[in-house]
């Protein structure tokens, strides 16, 4: 063995023991006749001490050590005279009697410290060095811990983990697939799974009534903080269940993870919020309920006063920011610029200040009397000291813009605290959404989502009104997971394909394997998939999932460490019978 102990386990009780440690040189300090070296491994840091008086040759050797050298050191544990209470091993040090350099290191391109001097792109290029830093290392350890707890809980309630293939058939109804050409079947392609959706349904047909998997999924879509081209899901499916059976089961998983990982207890059932209410009250199907500011519909109250901004709008909505009546003109102008950003797209902001002295002042005072403004404040639930922020326009866009404004105010007022968690189920989503460009309906989730039984009669007469037997788990404004009860009746599945515009031949070509399986006795079933990376990032108190993945991609989908995606050789292209077109330049 290279070592008898790690750099994080020795304490005062070990004083007098002869030990051997291995690790990387964090830093060294020469203080006259003494040299101190901090030795680091994944478990912690231990201080080594070299004495010029007792062993000058060994001390000289220590002084030649560079940062990140890999070394082995032997010596005796002794009590430190200047203890460091900030270090778990700060009560002891090692009086070194033997030193071996196992490997030298070039000077790292950035400091391996908790607060590094390396920019994000540089640290991603040298990710194996970045992973030595405590914050990133601890994120990966947290990921491991959450994975083990997931498996422990799922096993305890009778779920079986089953692996599904990574080379499957392309199903282009969702996000874009990553495709893989087949050499043995020229001109044909596999797809990497966006999720194991159809495969887990086949497992239900096979009789594995409680399935789960920590599975890698792939989607070729634009990236953001909570997206990566390859990501991990906790994928789950159950047979002989209805919606609330599924919600109860996985609410149990959520509560278990919160208890085990964060020490947070939830004793009450999670709120179930219908999709329509979520949109009307918060402008989002993933509302952050850590704070209030529900939308108030002022449409009928403010129209007809000659203010064209309101009179010409389909919808006028307000949020009430408590205690913000002292906002300056500069602050309200900043909010106006915020909601005018292209990604939000609102045209302007109207505000009303309800002064602590009871005064009412609006940016539209010219058109409204104090009595009118009093009605606004009553409808919005405002009280002295509050600020009303009002947007107007086409309803769907205005609700979305109000949602962004609400979240921005939550941030400004410090209401979105990382240590507070507000989970809820959003339920009763629309089954379908209309695409104006293609003039057809698309499945809001996927084509196997069951309509609510009471809405089934609308499928052919008014499909836009059909609600899905679907649900999302939302925590602090983040969709952590989503799923549905599945269609298990072949007749209903054919009807769904027909409403989506699939011909019988197209449905057979894409999903014939599933439809054939349903002919052999498909049980009622449903499930859910959780974004595992999002769970871990939330437990780690961060918005981005990137630092909870060992080797992530950047915002352009590139792995700057491996320098990929990259071209392949003409020989490889030839074997695949693929010829590349030259990119057209404007």
Protein backbone atom coordinates (compact mmCIF):
# COMPACT_ATOMS: atom_id res chain seq x y z
CA UNK A 1 0.00 0.00 0.00
CA UNK A 2 1.23 3.47 -0.84
CA UNK A 3 -0.45 4.94 2.23
CA UNK A 4 -1.68 3.94 5.66
CA UNK A 5 -4.12 6.85 6.06
CA UNK A 6 -5.76 9.59 4.02
CA UNK A 7 -5.10 13.30 4.46
CA UNK A 8 -8.44 13.89 6.13
CA UNK A 9 -8.65 11.29 8.90
CA UNK A 10 -5.82 11.86 11.40
CA UNK A 11 -6.58 13.60 14.70
CA UNK A 12 -5.02 14.24 18.11
CA UNK A 13 -5.87 10.69 19.21
CA UNK A 14 -3.36 9.48 16.57
CA UNK A 15 -0.41 11.38 18.10
CA UNK A 16 2.70 9.19 18.27
CA UNK A 17 1.66 6.90 15.39
CA UNK A 18 3.91 6.29 12.41
CA UNK A 19 1.95 6.91 9.24
CA UNK A 20 2.39 7.17 5.47
CA UNK A 21 0.36 9.67 3.45
CA UNK A 22 0.07 10.30 -0.30
CA UNK A 23 -1.36 13.23 -2.19
CA UNK A 24 -0.75 16.47 -4.02
CA UNK A 25 1.24 19.44 -2.72
CA UNK A 26 -1.28 22.21 -2.06
CA UNK A 27 1.36 24.71 -0.98
CA UNK A 28 4.63 24.95 0.94
CA UNK A 29 6.14 27.56 3.25
CA UNK A 30 9.78 28.03 4.20
CA UNK A 31 10.24 29.59 7.64
CA UNK A 32 13.94 29.68 8.39
CA UNK A 33 14.93 26.27 9.68
CA UNK A 34 11.47 24.78 9.09
CA UNK A 35 9.53 23.92 5.95
CA UNK A 36 5.79 23.28 6.04
CA UNK A 37 3.94 21.47 3.27
CA UNK A 38 0.15 21.14 3.00
CA UNK A 39 -0.60 17.73 1.50
CA UNK A 40 -4.01 17.28 -0.14
CA UNK A 41 -6.07 14.33 -1.30
CA UNK A 42 -9.83 14.01 -1.83
CA UNK A 43 -10.39 13.54 1.93
CA UNK A 44 -8.69 16.68 3.19
CA UNK A 45 -5.37 18.40 3.93
CA UNK A 46 -2.67 17.45 6.43
CA UNK A 47 0.32 19.61 7.33
CA UNK A 48 3.78 18.07 6.94
CA UNK A 49 6.76 19.52 8.79
CA UNK A 50 10.45 19.28 7.80
CA UNK A 51 13.22 20.37 10.21
CA UNK A 52 16.57 21.64 8.89
CA UNK A 53 18.25 20.91 12.23
CA UNK A 54 17.26 17.24 12.43
CA UNK A 55 17.40 16.31 8.71
CA UNK A 56 18.78 19.06 6.45
CA UNK A 57 18.85 16.81 3.36
CA UNK A 58 15.16 15.93 3.70
CA UNK A 59 14.31 19.58 4.34
CA UNK A 60 16.15 20.63 1.16
CA UNK A 61 14.26 17.99 -0.75
CA UNK A 62 10.97 19.39 0.58
CA UNK A 63 11.94 22.89 -0.50
CA UNK A 64 12.22 21.69 -4.10
CA UNK A 65 8.61 20.49 -4.16
CA UNK A 66 6.32 22.38 -6.52
CA UNK A 67 2.58 22.88 -6.42
CA UNK A 68 0.62 19.76 -7.42
CA UNK A 69 3.62 17.44 -7.13
CA UNK A 70 2.41 13.96 -6.21
CA UNK A 71 4.32 12.73 -3.18
CA UNK A 72 4.49 10.02 -0.56
CA UNK A 73 5.56 11.03 2.95
CA UNK A 74 6.17 8.99 6.08
CA UNK A 75 6.57 10.21 9.62
CA UNK A 76 5.14 10.50 13.10
CA UNK A 77 1.88 12.24 14.03
CA UNK A 78 2.37 14.95 16.62
CA UNK A 79 0.30 17.71 18.20
CA UNK A 80 0.56 21.08 16.49
CA UNK A 81 1.77 23.99 18.57
CA UNK A 82 -0.27 26.47 16.47
CA UNK A 83 -3.55 24.65 15.91
CA UNK A 84 -5.83 25.54 12.98
CA UNK A 85 -9.49 25.20 14.05
CA UNK A 86 -10.64 25.72 10.43
CA UNK A 87 -9.09 22.40 9.36
CA UNK A 88 -10.47 19.01 10.45
CA UNK A 89 -6.82 17.90 10.83
CA UNK A 90 -5.75 21.22 12.32
CA UNK A 91 -4.75 19.77 15.71
CA UNK A 92 -1.92 17.63 14.31
CA UNK A 93 0.96 17.60 11.85
CA UNK A 94 3.34 14.96 10.51
CA UNK A 95 7.02 15.13 11.51
CA UNK A 96 8.32 13.74 8.22
CA UNK A 97 11.12 11.16 8.17
CA UNK A 98 10.76 9.96 4.56
CA UNK A 99 9.75 11.64 1.31
CA UNK A 100 9.28 10.22 -2.21
CA UNK A 101 8.26 12.24 -5.26
CA UNK A 102 5.87 9.98 -7.15
CA UNK A 103 5.35 12.46 -9.96
CA UNK A 104 6.32 16.03 -10.72
CA UNK A 105 3.83 18.58 -11.99
CA UNK A 106 4.07 21.53 -14.28
CA UNK A 107 2.77 24.80 -12.84
CA UNK A 108 -1.05 24.55 -13.12
CA UNK A 109 -2.78 27.11 -15.38
CA UNK A 110 -4.86 28.31 -12.42
CA UNK A 111 -4.70 27.99 -8.65
CA UNK A 112 -6.20 24.84 -7.14
CA UNK A 113 -8.00 26.77 -4.42
CA UNK A 114 -11.63 27.14 -3.36
CA UNK A 115 -11.56 30.62 -4.90
CA UNK A 116 -9.60 30.04 -8.08
CA UNK A 117 -8.10 32.66 -10.39
CA UNK A 118 -9.13 30.62 -13.45
CA UNK A 119 -12.02 31.67 -15.71
CA UNK A 120 -14.79 29.18 -16.51
CA UNK A 121 -13.60 28.27 -20.01
CA UNK A 122 -10.04 27.71 -18.78
CA UNK A 123 -11.22 25.56 -15.89
CA UNK A 124 -13.39 23.49 -18.26
CA UNK A 125 -10.40 22.94 -20.56
CA UNK A 126 -8.43 21.60 -17.59
CA UNK A 127 -11.44 20.01 -15.92
CA UNK A 128 -9.34 17.27 -14.28
CA UNK A 129 -7.57 20.05 -12.36
CA UNK A 130 -10.79 21.90 -11.58
CA UNK A 131 -12.17 18.70 -10.06
CA UNK A 132 -9.39 18.85 -7.45
CA UNK A 133 -10.89 22.06 -6.04
CA UNK A 134 -13.11 21.54 -3.00
CA UNK A 135 -16.29 23.20 -4.34
CA UNK A 136 -16.35 21.09 -7.51
CA UNK A 137 -15.14 17.93 -5.78
CA UNK A 138 -17.85 18.28 -3.15
CA UNK A 139 -20.48 18.74 -5.87
CA UNK A 140 -19.48 15.41 -7.43
CA UNK A 141 -19.52 13.72 -4.02
CA UNK A 142 -23.00 15.19 -3.41
CA UNK A 143 -24.11 13.75 -6.75
CA UNK A 144 -22.86 10.32 -5.69
CA UNK A 145 -24.65 10.59 -2.37
CA UNK A 146 -27.98 11.56 -3.94
CA UNK A 147 -27.70 8.69 -6.44
CA UNK A 148 -27.16 6.19 -3.63
CA UNK A 149 -30.15 7.54 -1.70
CA UNK A 150 -32.35 7.32 -4.80
CA UNK A 151 -31.39 3.68 -5.33
CA UNK A 152 -31.85 2.90 -1.64
CA UNK A 153 -35.36 4.36 -1.52
CA UNK A 154 -36.53 2.89 -4.82
CA UNK A 155 -35.32 -0.56 -3.83
CA UNK A 156 -37.09 -0.25 -0.47
CA UNK A 157 -40.48 0.19 -2.17
CA UNK A 158 -40.06 -2.66 -4.63
CA UNK A 159 -38.70 -0.97 -7.76
CA UNK A 160 -36.26 -2.84 -10.02
CA UNK A 161 -33.48 -0.98 -11.87
CA UNK A 162 -33.41 -2.10 -15.50
CA UNK A 163 -30.93 -0.78 -18.06
CA UNK A 164 -32.27 0.19 -21.49
CA UNK A 165 -30.25 0.62 -24.72
CA UNK A 166 -28.51 3.81 -25.81
CA UNK A 167 -28.87 3.04 -29.52
CA UNK A 168 -32.57 3.24 -30.37
CA UNK A 169 -34.97 4.37 -33.10
CA UNK A 170 -35.34 8.08 -33.90
CA UNK A 171 -38.66 9.56 -32.73
CA UNK A 172 -38.57 13.19 -33.95
CA UNK A 173 -41.75 14.33 -32.13
CA UNK A 174 -39.82 15.89 -29.23
CA UNK A 175 -36.48 17.75 -29.25
CA UNK A 176 -33.96 17.04 -32.00
CA UNK A 177 -32.30 13.64 -31.78
CA UNK A 178 -28.59 12.97 -31.80
CA UNK A 179 -28.22 10.36 -34.56
CA UNK A 180 -25.58 7.66 -35.02
CA UNK A 181 -24.90 6.18 -38.46
CA UNK A 182 -24.76 2.40 -38.80
CA UNK A 183 -21.77 0.93 -40.66
CA UNK A 184 -23.33 -2.53 -40.88
CA UNK A 185 -26.63 -1.18 -42.24
CA UNK A 186 -25.48 1.59 -44.61
CA UNK A 187 -27.82 4.54 -44.97
CA UNK A 188 -29.56 3.85 -41.66
CA UNK A 189 -29.19 5.54 -38.32
CA UNK A 190 -29.66 4.92 -34.65
CA UNK A 191 -30.72 7.72 -32.31
CA UNK A 192 -29.48 8.36 -28.80
CA UNK A 193 -32.50 8.32 -26.46
CA UNK A 194 -34.08 11.60 -25.40
CA UNK A 195 -35.57 9.39 -22.69
CA UNK A 196 -36.39 5.67 -22.42
CA UNK A 197 -40.11 6.49 -22.78
CA UNK A 198 -41.27 3.72 -25.12
CA UNK A 199 -38.83 1.23 -23.62
CA UNK A 200 -40.15 1.65 -20.10
CA UNK A 201 -43.68 1.23 -21.42
CA UNK A 202 -42.58 -2.05 -23.00
CA UNK A 203 -41.24 -3.10 -19.60
CA UNK A 204 -44.75 -2.56 -18.23
CA UNK A 205 -46.13 -4.82 -20.97
CA UNK A 206 -43.43 -7.31 -19.93
CA UNK A 207 -44.76 -7.34 -16.38
CA UNK A 208 -42.01 -5.40 -14.57
CA UNK A 209 -44.61 -3.37 -12.73
CA UNK A 210 -42.15 -1.16 -10.83
CA UNK A 211 -39.19 0.00 -12.92
CA UNK A 212 -36.64 2.73 -12.40
CA UNK A 213 -33.27 3.67 -13.83
CA UNK A 214 -30.64 6.34 -13.36
CA UNK A 215 -30.21 6.83 -17.07
CA UNK A 216 -28.25 9.02 -19.46
CA UNK A 217 -30.41 10.95 -21.96
CA UNK A 218 -29.51 13.04 -24.99
CA UNK A 219 -31.20 16.06 -26.62
CA UNK A 220 -29.85 18.25 -29.38
CA UNK A 221 -31.29 21.54 -28.16
CA UNK A 222 -30.11 25.01 -27.25
CA UNK A 223 -28.35 25.08 -23.90
CA UNK A 224 -28.86 27.12 -20.74
CA UNK A 225 -27.94 26.84 -17.06
CA UNK A 226 -30.16 23.82 -16.39
CA UNK A 227 -29.57 22.03 -19.71
CA UNK A 228 -26.78 19.90 -21.15
CA UNK A 229 -26.78 17.88 -24.39
CA UNK A 230 -26.34 14.76 -22.29
CA UNK A 231 -27.98 14.64 -18.88
CA UNK A 232 -29.25 12.13 -16.34
CA UNK A 233 -32.78 11.22 -15.35
CA UNK A 234 -34.34 9.24 -12.55
CA UNK A 235 -36.67 7.40 -14.91
CA UNK A 236 -39.63 5.56 -13.36
CA UNK A 237 -42.74 3.66 -14.42
CA UNK A 238 -45.50 1.77 -12.56
CA UNK A 239 -48.36 -0.52 -13.56
CA UNK A 240 -51.92 -0.83 -12.24
CA UNK A 241 -51.91 2.71 -10.90
CA UNK A 242 -53.87 5.93 -11.26
CA UNK A 243 -52.50 9.47 -11.14
CA UNK A 244 -52.58 9.94 -7.38
CA UNK A 245 -50.87 6.58 -6.78
CA UNK A 246 -47.94 7.87 -8.83
CA UNK A 247 -47.89 11.29 -7.15
CA UNK A 248 -47.97 9.74 -3.67
CA UNK A 249 -45.12 7.33 -4.53
CA UNK A 250 -42.77 9.98 -5.89
CA UNK A 251 -43.73 12.63 -3.40
CA UNK A 252 -42.43 10.02 -0.97
CA UNK A 253 -39.14 9.90 -2.87
CA UNK A 254 -38.88 13.71 -2.84
CA UNK A 255 -39.55 13.91 0.91
CA UNK A 256 -37.04 11.13 1.56
CA UNK A 257 -34.30 12.90 -0.42
CA UNK A 258 -34.96 16.20 1.32
CA UNK A 259 -34.75 14.48 4.70
CA UNK A 260 -31.62 12.43 3.97
CA UNK A 261 -29.64 14.99 1.98
CA UNK A 262 -30.76 18.36 3.38
CA UNK A 263 -32.29 17.46 6.75
CA UNK A 264 -35.53 19.15 5.68
CA UNK A 265 -38.86 17.60 6.69
CA UNK A 266 -42.13 18.00 4.81
CA UNK A 267 -45.05 16.78 6.92
CA UNK A 268 -47.88 18.09 4.75
CA UNK A 269 -48.86 16.88 1.27
CA UNK A 270 -47.45 18.91 -1.61
CA UNK A 271 -49.85 21.44 -3.15
CA UNK A 272 -51.58 20.32 -6.38
CA UNK A 273 -51.98 23.38 -8.62
CA UNK A 274 -53.92 23.08 -11.91
CA UNK A 275 -51.99 24.31 -14.94
CA UNK A 276 -54.64 26.92 -15.76
CA UNK A 277 -54.38 28.46 -12.28
CA UNK A 278 -50.58 28.45 -12.45
CA UNK A 279 -50.67 30.43 -15.69
CA UNK A 280 -53.38 32.86 -14.53
CA UNK A 281 -51.75 33.52 -11.15
CA UNK A 282 -48.04 33.30 -11.95
CA UNK A 283 -47.70 33.30 -15.76
CA UNK A 284 -45.70 30.08 -15.63
CA UNK A 285 -46.22 26.33 -15.43
CA UNK A 286 -43.32 26.21 -12.97
CA UNK A 287 -44.16 28.91 -10.42
CA UNK A 288 -41.81 29.82 -7.59
CA UNK A 289 -44.00 29.79 -4.47
CA UNK A 290 -41.34 30.96 -2.03
CA UNK A 291 -43.00 34.35 -2.22
CA UNK A 292 -46.39 35.84 -3.15
CA UNK A 293 -47.04 38.53 -5.77
CA UNK A 294 -49.93 36.68 -7.40
CA UNK A 295 -51.14 38.40 -10.55
CA UNK A 296 -54.24 40.58 -10.28
CA UNK A 297 -56.39 41.01 -13.37
CA UNK A 298 -57.24 44.72 -13.68
CA UNK A 299 -58.54 44.53 -17.26
CA UNK A 300 -62.17 45.44 -16.64
CA UNK A 301 -61.22 47.97 -13.97
CA UNK A 302 -58.84 50.18 -15.97
CA UNK A 303 -60.31 50.23 -19.47
CA UNK A 304 -62.47 53.02 -20.89
CA UNK A 305 -60.60 55.99 -19.41
CA UNK A 306 -58.91 57.14 -22.62
CA UNK A 307 -55.52 55.61 -21.82
CA UNK A 308 -54.79 53.89 -25.13
CA UNK A 309 -52.12 51.57 -23.67
CA UNK A 310 -54.85 49.95 -21.58
CA UNK A 311 -57.85 50.47 -23.86
CA UNK A 312 -56.12 48.70 -26.75
CA UNK A 313 -54.94 45.69 -24.71
CA UNK A 314 -56.50 42.25 -24.34
CA UNK A 315 -55.22 41.86 -20.77
CA UNK A 316 -53.93 44.18 -18.05
CA UNK A 317 -52.31 42.51 -15.04
CA UNK A 318 -50.54 43.74 -11.91
CA UNK A 319 -48.25 42.48 -9.19
CA UNK A 320 -47.93 44.10 -5.79
CA UNK A 321 -44.39 44.58 -4.47
CA UNK A 322 -44.69 45.04 -0.72
CA UNK A 323 -42.78 47.90 0.87
CA UNK A 324 -41.49 49.31 -2.43
CA UNK A 325 -43.40 52.60 -2.65
CA UNK A 326 -40.10 54.41 -2.13
CA UNK A 327 -38.73 53.12 -5.45
CA UNK A 328 -36.99 55.94 -7.29
CA UNK A 329 -37.50 56.96 -10.90
CA UNK A 330 -34.19 55.31 -11.69
CA UNK A 331 -35.38 52.02 -10.22
CA UNK A 332 -38.69 52.02 -12.10
CA UNK A 333 -36.81 52.92 -15.30
CA UNK A 334 -34.54 49.91 -14.71
CA UNK A 335 -37.61 47.68 -14.41
CA UNK A 336 -39.02 49.15 -17.61
CA UNK A 337 -35.79 48.37 -19.46
CA UNK A 338 -35.81 44.88 -17.96
CA UNK A 339 -39.25 43.97 -19.31
CA UNK A 340 -38.46 45.56 -22.72
CA UNK A 341 -35.58 43.14 -23.32
CA UNK A 342 -36.14 41.10 -26.51
CA UNK A 343 -36.44 37.81 -24.62
CA UNK A 344 -39.33 39.28 -22.58
CA UNK A 345 -40.84 41.64 -25.15
CA UNK A 346 -43.16 43.88 -23.13
CA UNK A 347 -43.71 47.36 -24.54
CA UNK A 348 -43.76 49.32 -21.31
CA UNK A 349 -44.48 49.44 -17.60
CA UNK A 350 -47.11 51.36 -15.66
CA UNK A 351 -46.70 51.72 -11.91
CA UNK A 352 -48.67 53.03 -8.95
CA UNK A 353 -47.11 53.98 -5.62
CA UNK A 354 -49.19 53.70 -2.48
CA UNK A 355 -47.30 55.99 -0.12
CA UNK A 356 -46.93 55.26 3.57
CA UNK A 357 -48.88 58.48 4.13
CA UNK A 358 -51.81 57.05 2.14
CA UNK A 359 -51.08 59.03 -1.03
CA UNK A 360 -51.63 57.39 -4.43
CA UNK A 361 -49.46 58.28 -7.40
CA UNK A 362 -49.35 56.62 -10.80
CA UNK A 363 -47.35 57.02 -14.00
CA UNK A 364 -50.79 57.27 -15.69
CA UNK A 365 -52.19 59.96 -13.34
CA UNK A 366 -53.37 62.03 -16.31
CA UNK A 367 -56.10 59.49 -17.08
CA UNK A 368 -57.13 58.27 -13.64
CA UNK A 369 -58.56 59.92 -10.54
CA UNK A 370 -57.48 59.14 -6.95
CA UNK A 371 -60.71 57.12 -6.62
CA UNK A 372 -59.68 55.05 -9.66
CA UNK A 373 -56.26 54.42 -8.15
CA UNK A 374 -57.87 53.41 -4.87
CA UNK A 375 -59.87 50.78 -6.76
CA UNK A 376 -56.64 49.51 -8.34
CA UNK A 377 -55.00 49.14 -4.95
CA UNK A 378 -58.05 47.37 -3.48
CA UNK A 379 -58.22 44.91 -6.40
CA UNK A 380 -54.50 44.20 -6.10
CA UNK A 381 -54.50 43.90 -2.31
CA UNK A 382 -52.06 46.80 -1.93
CA UNK A 383 -51.56 48.65 1.35
CA UNK A 384 -49.66 51.82 2.28
CA UNK A 385 -45.98 51.41 1.39
CA UNK A 386 -46.58 49.09 -1.58
CA UNK A 387 -45.84 49.43 -5.30
CA UNK A 388 -48.08 48.15 -8.10
CA UNK A 389 -46.34 47.13 -11.32
CA UNK A 390 -48.71 46.82 -14.28
CA UNK A 391 -48.24 45.33 -17.76
CA UNK A 392 -50.69 45.30 -20.66
CA UNK A 393 -50.99 43.62 -24.05
CA UNK A 394 -51.91 40.31 -25.64
CA UNK A 395 -52.83 38.02 -22.77
CA UNK A 396 -50.41 35.13 -23.23
CA UNK A 397 -47.39 37.36 -23.81
CA UNK A 398 -48.32 39.70 -20.95
CA UNK A 399 -48.70 36.83 -18.48
CA UNK A 400 -45.26 35.58 -19.51
CA UNK A 401 -43.72 39.05 -19.14
CA UNK A 402 -45.38 39.50 -15.73
CA UNK A 403 -43.86 36.18 -14.69
CA UNK A 404 -40.36 37.43 -15.53
CA UNK A 405 -41.04 40.72 -13.73
CA UNK A 406 -42.31 38.86 -10.67
CA UNK A 407 -39.15 36.72 -10.52
CA UNK A 408 -36.97 39.80 -10.97
CA UNK A 409 -38.70 41.52 -8.05
CA UNK A 410 -38.33 38.33 -6.00
CA UNK A 411 -34.58 38.48 -6.65
CA UNK A 412 -34.33 42.22 -5.90
CA UNK A 413 -36.21 41.85 -2.62
CA UNK A 414 -34.25 38.78 -1.50
CA UNK A 415 -37.33 36.57 -1.47
CA UNK A 416 -35.86 33.63 -3.43
CA UNK A 417 -33.77 32.17 -0.63
CA UNK A 418 -31.73 29.06 -1.43
CA UNK A 419 -32.44 27.44 1.93
CA UNK A 420 -36.23 27.58 1.57
CA UNK A 421 -37.99 24.94 -0.54
CA UNK A 422 -41.58 25.12 -1.83
CA UNK A 423 -42.47 21.98 -3.78
CA UNK A 424 -45.76 21.58 -5.63
CA UNK A 425 -47.38 19.43 -8.28
CA UNK A 426 -48.64 21.24 -11.38
CA UNK A 427 -51.45 19.09 -12.80
CA UNK A 428 -54.04 19.02 -15.60
CA UNK A 429 -51.84 20.32 -18.41
CA UNK A 430 -53.31 20.73 -21.88
CA UNK A 431 -52.86 17.50 -23.82
CA UNK A 432 -52.07 19.28 -27.09
CA UNK A 433 -50.70 22.59 -28.32
CA UNK A 434 -51.40 24.13 -31.70
CA UNK A 435 -48.50 25.00 -34.01
CA UNK A 436 -49.54 27.92 -36.19
CA UNK A 437 -46.68 27.39 -38.62
CA UNK A 438 -47.39 23.72 -39.31
CA UNK A 439 -51.15 24.10 -38.82
CA UNK A 440 -51.44 21.04 -36.62
CA UNK A 441 -51.50 19.93 -33.01
CA UNK A 442 -48.41 18.63 -31.22
CA UNK A 443 -48.36 16.62 -28.00
CA UNK A 444 -47.48 18.97 -25.14
CA UNK A 445 -45.61 16.14 -23.43
CA UNK A 446 -45.40 13.13 -25.78
CA UNK A 447 -47.83 11.08 -27.90
CA UNK A 448 -48.34 8.44 -25.20
CA UNK A 449 -49.80 10.80 -22.59
CA UNK A 450 -53.33 9.85 -21.62
CA UNK A 451 -56.13 12.41 -21.87
CA UNK A 452 -58.19 12.86 -18.74
CA UNK A 453 -61.03 10.33 -19.10
CA UNK A 454 -63.70 13.01 -18.71
CA UNK A 455 -62.23 14.95 -21.68
CA UNK A 456 -61.86 12.00 -24.05
CA UNK A 457 -65.07 12.88 -25.91
CA UNK A 458 -63.47 16.19 -27.03
CA UNK A 459 -60.54 14.54 -28.82
CA UNK A 460 -62.12 14.76 -32.27
CA UNK A 461 -64.45 17.73 -31.81
CA UNK A 462 -62.35 20.20 -29.77
CA UNK A 463 -58.88 18.71 -29.10
CA UNK A 464 -57.44 22.01 -27.84
CA UNK A 465 -59.62 21.76 -24.74
CA UNK A 466 -58.54 18.25 -23.78
CA UNK A 467 -56.56 18.09 -20.53
CA UNK A 468 -53.72 15.64 -20.07
CA UNK A 469 -53.49 13.20 -17.21
CA UNK A 470 -50.04 14.71 -16.69
CA UNK A 471 -48.11 16.35 -13.85
CA UNK A 472 -44.85 18.13 -13.09
CA UNK A 473 -42.99 18.36 -9.80
CA UNK A 474 -41.88 21.98 -9.44
CA UNK A 475 -39.58 23.24 -6.69
CA UNK A 476 -38.59 26.91 -6.35
CA UNK A 477 -39.48 27.73 -9.94
CA UNK A 478 -37.63 24.76 -11.43
CA UNK A 479 -39.29 21.79 -13.12
CA UNK A 480 -37.61 18.92 -11.29
CA UNK A 481 -39.61 16.18 -12.98
CA UNK A 482 -42.63 15.43 -15.08
CA UNK A 483 -44.73 12.51 -16.20
CA UNK A 484 -48.19 11.22 -16.98
CA UNK A 485 -50.55 8.34 -16.93
CA UNK A 486 -49.97 6.61 -20.28
CA UNK A 487 -52.38 5.52 -22.96
CA UNK A 488 -52.69 1.75 -22.69
CA UNK A 489 -55.71 1.25 -24.92
CA UNK A 490 -54.70 0.68 -28.60
CA UNK A 491 -57.86 2.43 -29.81
CA UNK A 492 -57.13 5.59 -27.81
CA UNK A 493 -53.50 5.51 -28.96
CA UNK A 494 -54.59 5.34 -32.62
CA UNK A 495 -56.97 8.26 -31.99
CA UNK A 496 -54.09 10.25 -30.48
CA UNK A 497 -51.90 9.60 -33.51
CA UNK A 498 -54.74 10.65 -35.81
CA UNK A 499 -55.29 13.95 -33.96
CA UNK A 500 -51.54 14.59 -34.19
CA UNK A 501 -51.74 14.21 -37.95
CA UNK A 502 -50.03 10.83 -38.27
CA UNK A 503 -51.23 8.56 -41.04
CA UNK A 504 -51.59 4.89 -40.11
CA UNK A 505 -48.43 4.19 -42.10
CA UNK A 506 -46.44 6.93 -40.32
CA UNK A 507 -47.62 5.77 -36.90
CA UNK A 508 -46.70 2.19 -37.80
CA UNK A 509 -43.24 3.22 -39.08
CA UNK A 510 -42.36 5.18 -35.95
CA UNK A 511 -44.19 3.37 -33.17
CA UNK A 512 -45.30 0.05 -34.62
CA UNK A 513 -43.19 -1.89 -32.11
CA UNK A 514 -45.12 -0.28 -29.23
CA UNK A 515 -48.52 -0.68 -30.85
CA UNK A 516 -47.76 -4.33 -31.55
CA UNK A 517 -46.81 -4.86 -27.91
CA UNK A 518 -50.11 -3.33 -26.81
CA UNK A 519 -51.92 -6.11 -28.68
CA UNK A 520 -50.61 -8.55 -26.08
CA UNK A 521 -52.12 -7.11 -22.94
CA UNK A 522 -50.84 -3.71 -21.82
CA UNK A 523 -51.66 -2.91 -18.18
CA UNK A 524 -52.80 0.57 -17.07
CA UNK A 525 -49.53 2.34 -16.33
CA UNK A 526 -47.87 5.68 -15.81
CA UNK A 527 -44.65 7.20 -14.58
CA UNK A 528 -42.36 10.14 -14.21
CA UNK A 529 -38.82 11.23 -15.04
CA UNK A 530 -36.85 13.52 -12.72
CA UNK A 531 -33.96 15.68 -13.86
CA UNK A 532 -31.29 14.12 -11.67
CA UNK A 533 -28.76 16.88 -12.41
CA UNK A 534 -31.33 19.50 -11.40
CA UNK A 535 -32.07 17.69 -8.14
CA UNK A 536 -28.38 17.68 -7.25
CA UNK A 537 -27.81 21.31 -8.26
CA UNK A 538 -30.79 22.38 -6.13
CA UNK A 539 -29.47 20.44 -3.14
CA UNK A 540 -26.10 22.12 -3.79
CA UNK A 541 -27.71 25.57 -3.74
CA UNK A 542 -26.85 26.45 -7.35
CA UNK A 543 -28.80 27.20 -10.54
CA UNK A 544 -26.39 25.66 -13.04
CA UNK A 545 -26.12 21.89 -13.39
CA UNK A 546 -22.70 22.13 -15.03
CA UNK A 547 -20.60 21.97 -11.88
CA UNK A 548 -22.45 18.86 -10.74
CA UNK A 549 -21.38 16.91 -13.84
CA UNK A 550 -17.83 15.59 -13.90
CA UNK A 551 -17.12 16.45 -17.55
CA UNK A 552 -19.77 18.89 -18.86
CA UNK A 553 -20.15 20.73 -22.17
CA UNK A 554 -20.03 24.51 -22.53
CA UNK A 555 -22.91 26.69 -23.74
CA UNK A 556 -22.08 25.85 -27.35
CA UNK A 557 -22.30 22.12 -26.66
CA UNK A 558 -18.52 21.71 -26.90
CA UNK A 559 -16.27 19.70 -24.63
CA UNK A 560 -13.29 22.05 -24.62
CA UNK A 561 -11.19 19.51 -22.73
CA UNK A 562 -11.62 16.74 -25.33
CA UNK A 563 -12.00 19.30 -28.15
CA UNK A 564 -15.19 17.75 -29.43
CA UNK A 565 -17.37 17.61 -31.50
CA UNK A 566 -14.62 17.22 -34.06
CA UNK A 567 -14.32 16.10 -37.70
CA UNK A 568 -13.76 12.44 -38.47
CA UNK A 569 -11.48 11.05 -41.17
CA UNK A 570 -12.49 10.54 -44.79
CA UNK A 571 -11.87 6.83 -44.24
CA UNK A 572 -14.47 6.72 -41.45
CA UNK A 573 -16.94 8.71 -43.56
CA UNK A 574 -16.34 6.30 -46.44
CA UNK A 575 -17.05 3.27 -44.27
CA UNK A 576 -20.36 4.86 -43.31
CA UNK A 577 -21.14 5.85 -46.93
CA UNK A 578 -21.52 9.46 -45.79
CA UNK A 579 -20.55 12.45 -47.91
CA UNK A 580 -20.41 15.89 -46.29
CA UNK A 581 -21.97 18.89 -48.02
CA UNK A 582 -20.06 22.14 -48.01
CA UNK A 583 -21.64 24.79 -45.80
CA UNK A 584 -23.27 27.54 -47.84
CA UNK A 585 -21.93 31.01 -47.10
CA UNK A 586 -23.98 34.18 -47.56
